[in-house]
């Protein structure tokens, strides 16, 4: 083999190595740029979700005297509306009216249950005895329970 062939072979190997390196760098750059775009999209999605969770609220359940209910707020909980349950099954939002017009007193009972849950989480079970007895009775009554004292013979 001539000296020129060896040098051409060496140059050819360098060219191939440089091309492979260029492809690796280009591919890495594309993946890096793509991951930046993706992380920006995820950040925007998290912000959108946080806004949605703070603004478009819902409550649903069953309450004695009211039956099943579905409530929505579109302004972060300032105003609540009753939603037609049957239409909601078809993914329709049909507003029946403000909650207090449709289910008078329901929001107060729901708030009463929320207060009851908070009290139990912070203070433990309700015993209706000791220094917190009057407060516990008031919390139960606000949640819609009737509390009567019985005297044991």
C-alpha atoms as a PDB file:
ATOM      1  CA  UNK A   1       0.000   0.000   0.000  1.00  0.00           C
ATOM      2  CA  UNK A   2       1.244   3.439  -0.877  1.00  0.00           C
ATOM      3  CA  UNK A   3       1.759   6.226   1.644  1.00  0.00           C
ATOM      4  CA  UNK A   4      -1.014   8.281   0.028  1.00  0.00           C
ATOM      5  CA  UNK A   5      -3.533   5.453   0.541  1.00  0.00           C
ATOM      6  CA  UNK A   6      -2.728   5.263   4.227  1.00  0.00           C
ATOM      7  CA  UNK A   7      -3.134   8.977   4.656  1.00  0.00           C
ATOM      8  CA  UNK A   8      -6.405   8.967   2.698  1.00  0.00           C
ATOM      9  CA  UNK A   9      -7.652   6.149   4.927  1.00  0.00           C
ATOM     10  CA  UNK A  10      -6.661   8.098   8.026  1.00  0.00           C
ATOM     11  CA  UNK A  11      -8.379  11.239   6.703  1.00  0.00           C
ATOM     12  CA  UNK A  12     -11.453   9.187   5.850  1.00  0.00           C
ATOM     13  CA  UNK A  13     -11.561   7.822   9.406  1.00  0.00           C
ATOM     14  CA  UNK A  14     -11.293  11.375  10.766  1.00  0.00           C
ATOM     15  CA  UNK A  15     -14.122  12.536   8.530  1.00  0.00           C
ATOM     16  CA  UNK A  16     -16.329   9.642   9.688  1.00  0.00           C
ATOM     17  CA  UNK A  17     -15.490  10.362  13.353  1.00  0.00           C
ATOM     18  CA  UNK A  18     -16.248  14.069  12.884  1.00  0.00           C
ATOM     19  CA  UNK A  19     -19.559  13.261  11.181  1.00  0.00           C
ATOM     20  CA  UNK A  20     -20.547  10.890  14.009  1.00  0.00           C
ATOM     21  CA  UNK A  21     -19.574  13.524  16.580  1.00  0.00           C
ATOM     22  CA  UNK A  22     -21.584  16.168  14.681  1.00  0.00           C
ATOM     23  CA  UNK A  23     -24.645  13.888  14.619  1.00  0.00           C
ATOM     24  CA  UNK A  24     -24.295  13.225  18.365  1.00  0.00           C
ATOM     25  CA  UNK A  25     -23.957  16.948  19.148  1.00  0.00           C
ATOM     26  CA  UNK A  26     -26.881  17.857  16.877  1.00  0.00           C
ATOM     27  CA  UNK A  27     -29.093  15.134  18.373  1.00  0.00           C
ATOM     28  CA  UNK A  28     -28.158  16.199  21.910  1.00  0.00           C
ATOM     29  CA  UNK A  29     -28.964  19.809  21.051  1.00  0.00           C
ATOM     30  CA  UNK A  30     -32.354  18.847  19.655  1.00  0.00           C
ATOM     31  CA  UNK A  31     -33.187  16.797  22.760  1.00  0.00           C
ATOM     32  CA  UNK A  32     -31.986  19.582  25.061  1.00  0.00           C
ATOM     33  CA  UNK A  33     -34.068  22.201  23.235  1.00  0.00           C
ATOM     34  CA  UNK A  34     -37.072  19.870  23.269  1.00  0.00           C
ATOM     35  CA  UNK A  35     -36.743  19.276  27.008  1.00  0.00           C
ATOM     36  CA  UNK A  36     -36.585  23.046  27.619  1.00  0.00           C
ATOM     37  CA  UNK A  37     -39.782  23.542  25.641  1.00  0.00           C
ATOM     38  CA  UNK A  38     -41.427  20.638  27.461  1.00  0.00           C
ATOM     39  CA  UNK A  39     -40.451  21.923  30.918  1.00  0.00           C
ATOM     40  CA  UNK A  40     -41.830  25.382  30.019  1.00  0.00           C
ATOM     41  CA  UNK A  41     -45.084  23.756  28.927  1.00  0.00           C
ATOM     42  CA  UNK A  42     -45.274  21.766  32.163  1.00  0.00           C
ATOM     43  CA  UNK A  43     -44.723  24.952  34.184  1.00  0.00           C
ATOM     44  CA  UNK A  44     -47.549  26.697  32.289  1.00  0.00           C
ATOM     45  CA  UNK A  45     -49.787  23.649  32.766  1.00  0.00           C
ATOM     46  CA  UNK A  46     -49.100  23.666  36.519  1.00  0.00           C
ATOM     47  CA  UNK A  47     -49.962  27.373  36.688  1.00  0.00           C
ATOM     48  CA  UNK A  48     -53.154  26.803  34.700  1.00  0.00           C
ATOM     49  CA  UNK A  49     -54.144  23.901  36.953  1.00  0.00           C
ATOM     50  CA  UNK A  50     -53.487  25.931  40.110  1.00  0.00           C
ATOM     51  CA  UNK A  51     -55.651  28.769  38.735  1.00  0.00           C
ATOM     52  CA  UNK A  52     -58.403  26.320  37.777  1.00  0.00           C
ATOM     53  CA  UNK A  53     -58.342  24.638  41.191  1.00  0.00           C
ATOM     54  CA  UNK A  54     -58.618  28.015  42.970  1.00  0.00           C
ATOM     55  CA  UNK A  55     -61.282  29.453  40.676  1.00  0.00           C
ATOM     56  CA  UNK A  56     -63.584  26.698  39.418  1.00  0.00           C
ATOM     57  CA  UNK A  57     -64.674  24.922  42.583  1.00  0.00           C
ATOM     58  CA  UNK A  58     -67.260  22.204  43.076  1.00  0.00           C
ATOM     59  CA  UNK A  59     -69.004  20.444  45.919  1.00  0.00           C
ATOM     60  CA  UNK A  60     -71.177  17.392  45.619  1.00  0.00           C
ATOM     61  CA  UNK A  61     -72.739  14.895  47.940  1.00  0.00           C
ATOM     62  CA  UNK A  62     -75.853  13.933  49.789  1.00  0.00           C
ATOM     63  CA  UNK A  63     -77.395  15.799  52.706  1.00  0.00           C
ATOM     64  CA  UNK A  64     -80.431  14.698  54.678  1.00  0.00           C
ATOM     65  CA  UNK A  65     -83.352  16.932  53.743  1.00  0.00           C
ATOM     66  CA  UNK A  66     -81.747  17.982  50.446  1.00  0.00           C
ATOM     67  CA  UNK A  67     -80.862  14.731  48.710  1.00  0.00           C
ATOM     68  CA  UNK A  68     -78.043  14.618  46.167  1.00  0.00           C
ATOM     69  CA  UNK A  69     -76.565  17.949  45.192  1.00  0.00           C
ATOM     70  CA  UNK A  70     -73.958  19.292  42.801  1.00  0.00           C
ATOM     71  CA  UNK A  71     -72.652  22.814  43.369  1.00  0.00           C
ATOM     72  CA  UNK A  72     -70.230  24.899  41.326  1.00  0.00           C
ATOM     73  CA  UNK A  73     -68.442  28.168  41.860  1.00  0.00           C
ATOM     74  CA  UNK A  74     -66.866  29.991  38.954  1.00  0.00           C
ATOM     75  CA  UNK A  75     -65.297  32.794  41.000  1.00  0.00           C
ATOM     76  CA  UNK A  76     -63.229  31.050  43.667  1.00  0.00           C
ATOM     77  CA  UNK A  77     -66.076  30.347  46.091  1.00  0.00           C
ATOM     78  CA  UNK A  78     -67.688  33.777  46.318  1.00  0.00           C
ATOM     79  CA  UNK A  79     -70.911  32.670  44.602  1.00  0.00           C
ATOM     80  CA  UNK A  80     -72.219  29.096  44.472  1.00  0.00           C
ATOM     81  CA  UNK A  81     -74.737  27.687  42.015  1.00  0.00           C
ATOM     82  CA  UNK A  82     -76.810  24.517  41.990  1.00  0.00           C
ATOM     83  CA  UNK A  83     -76.240  22.379  38.885  1.00  0.00           C
ATOM     84  CA  UNK A  84     -78.774  20.017  37.266  1.00  0.00           C
ATOM     85  CA  UNK A  85     -77.574  16.516  38.219  1.00  0.00           C
ATOM     86  CA  UNK A  86     -79.233  14.698  35.316  1.00  0.00           C
ATOM     87  CA  UNK A  87     -77.695  16.987  32.697  1.00  0.00           C
ATOM     88  CA  UNK A  88     -74.307  16.790  34.454  1.00  0.00           C
ATOM     89  CA  UNK A  89     -74.228  13.049  33.682  1.00  0.00           C
ATOM     90  CA  UNK A  90     -74.046  14.043  29.989  1.00  0.00           C
ATOM     91  CA  UNK A  91     -71.211  16.508  30.734  1.00  0.00           C
ATOM     92  CA  UNK A  92     -73.543  19.477  30.472  1.00  0.00           C
ATOM     93  CA  UNK A  93     -73.493  22.314  32.983  1.00  0.00           C
ATOM     94  CA  UNK A  94     -77.018  23.608  33.445  1.00  0.00           C
ATOM     95  CA  UNK A  95     -77.252  26.109  36.276  1.00  0.00           C
ATOM     96  CA  UNK A  96     -80.488  25.851  38.245  1.00  0.00           C
ATOM     97  CA  UNK A  97     -79.778  29.034  40.201  1.00  0.00           C
ATOM     98  CA  UNK A  98     -77.944  30.311  43.269  1.00  0.00           C
ATOM     99  CA  UNK A  99     -77.605  27.605  45.934  1.00  0.00           C
ATOM    100  CA  UNK A 100     -79.612  29.474  48.557  1.00  0.00           C
ATOM    101  CA  UNK A 101     -82.533  29.841  46.115  1.00  0.00           C
ATOM    102  CA  UNK A 102     -82.534  26.122  45.243  1.00  0.00           C
ATOM    103  CA  UNK A 103     -81.301  24.506  48.495  1.00  0.00           C
ATOM    104  CA  UNK A 104     -82.015  27.009  51.257  1.00  0.00           C
ATOM    105  CA  UNK A 105     -79.619  26.473  54.178  1.00  0.00           C
ATOM    106  CA  UNK A 106     -77.451  23.848  52.443  1.00  0.00           C
ATOM    107  CA  UNK A 107     -74.279  25.962  52.345  1.00  0.00           C
ATOM    108  CA  UNK A 108     -74.546  26.631  56.086  1.00  0.00           C
ATOM    109  CA  UNK A 109     -74.806  22.887  56.767  1.00  0.00           C
ATOM    110  CA  UNK A 110     -71.868  22.127  54.470  1.00  0.00           C
ATOM    111  CA  UNK A 111     -69.813  24.808  56.260  1.00  0.00           C
ATOM    112  CA  UNK A 112     -70.944  23.289  59.565  1.00  0.00           C
ATOM    113  CA  UNK A 113     -69.602  19.880  58.515  1.00  0.00           C
ATOM    114  CA  UNK A 114     -66.353  21.484  57.364  1.00  0.00           C
ATOM    115  CA  UNK A 115     -66.019  23.204  60.753  1.00  0.00           C
ATOM    116  CA  UNK A 116     -66.804  19.921  62.527  1.00  0.00           C
ATOM    117  CA  UNK A 117     -64.102  18.097  60.532  1.00  0.00           C
ATOM    118  CA  UNK A 118     -61.572  20.836  61.279  1.00  0.00           C
ATOM    119  CA  UNK A 119     -62.394  20.762  64.997  1.00  0.00           C
ATOM    120  CA  UNK A 120     -62.022  16.973  65.240  1.00  0.00           C
ATOM    121  CA  UNK A 121     -58.777  17.032  63.260  1.00  0.00           C
ATOM    122  CA  UNK A 122     -57.330  19.657  65.629  1.00  0.00           C
ATOM    123  CA  UNK A 123     -58.806  18.550  68.987  1.00  0.00           C
ATOM    124  CA  UNK A 124     -59.611  14.877  68.617  1.00  0.00           C
ATOM    125  CA  UNK A 125     -63.007  13.226  69.087  1.00  0.00           C
ATOM    126  CA  UNK A 126     -65.993  15.109  70.424  1.00  0.00           C
ATOM    127  CA  UNK A 127     -66.905  14.012  73.951  1.00  0.00           C
ATOM    128  CA  UNK A 128     -69.382  16.738  75.002  1.00  0.00           C
ATOM    129  CA  UNK A 129     -67.669  16.891  78.374  1.00  0.00           C
ATOM    130  CA  UNK A 130     -65.080  19.073  79.997  1.00  0.00           C
ATOM    131  CA  UNK A 131     -64.293  22.695  79.238  1.00  0.00           C
ATOM    132  CA  UNK A 132     -65.061  22.359  75.486  1.00  0.00           C
ATOM    133  CA  UNK A 133     -68.544  20.856  75.928  1.00  0.00           C
ATOM    134  CA  UNK A 134     -70.454  24.043  75.010  1.00  0.00           C
ATOM    135  CA  UNK A 135     -68.243  24.668  71.976  1.00  0.00           C
ATOM    136  CA  UNK A 136     -68.600  21.051  70.826  1.00  0.00           C
ATOM    137  CA  UNK A 137     -72.387  21.218  71.197  1.00  0.00           C
ATOM    138  CA  UNK A 138     -72.497  24.413  69.102  1.00  0.00           C
ATOM    139  CA  UNK A 139     -70.314  22.850  66.407  1.00  0.00           C
ATOM    140  CA  UNK A 140     -72.570  19.777  66.217  1.00  0.00           C
ATOM    141  CA  UNK A 141     -75.713  21.907  66.026  1.00  0.00           C
ATOM    142  CA  UNK A 142     -74.202  24.076  63.268  1.00  0.00           C
ATOM    143  CA  UNK A 143     -73.594  20.875  61.290  1.00  0.00           C
ATOM    144  CA  UNK A 144     -77.293  20.010  61.620  1.00  0.00           C
ATOM    145  CA  UNK A 145     -77.218  17.606  64.567  1.00  0.00           C
ATOM    146  CA  UNK A 146     -79.693  17.828  67.404  1.00  0.00           C
ATOM    147  CA  UNK A 147     -77.969  17.502  70.769  1.00  0.00           C
ATOM    148  CA  UNK A 148     -80.062  16.627  73.794  1.00  0.00           C
ATOM    149  CA  UNK A 149     -78.939  15.780  77.273  1.00  0.00           C
ATOM    150  CA  UNK A 150     -80.144  12.614  78.870  1.00  0.00           C
ATOM    151  CA  UNK A 151     -80.056  12.014  82.582  1.00  0.00           C
ATOM    152  CA  UNK A 152     -79.078   8.539  83.627  1.00  0.00           C
ATOM    153  CA  UNK A 153     -81.189   7.178  86.480  1.00  0.00           C
END
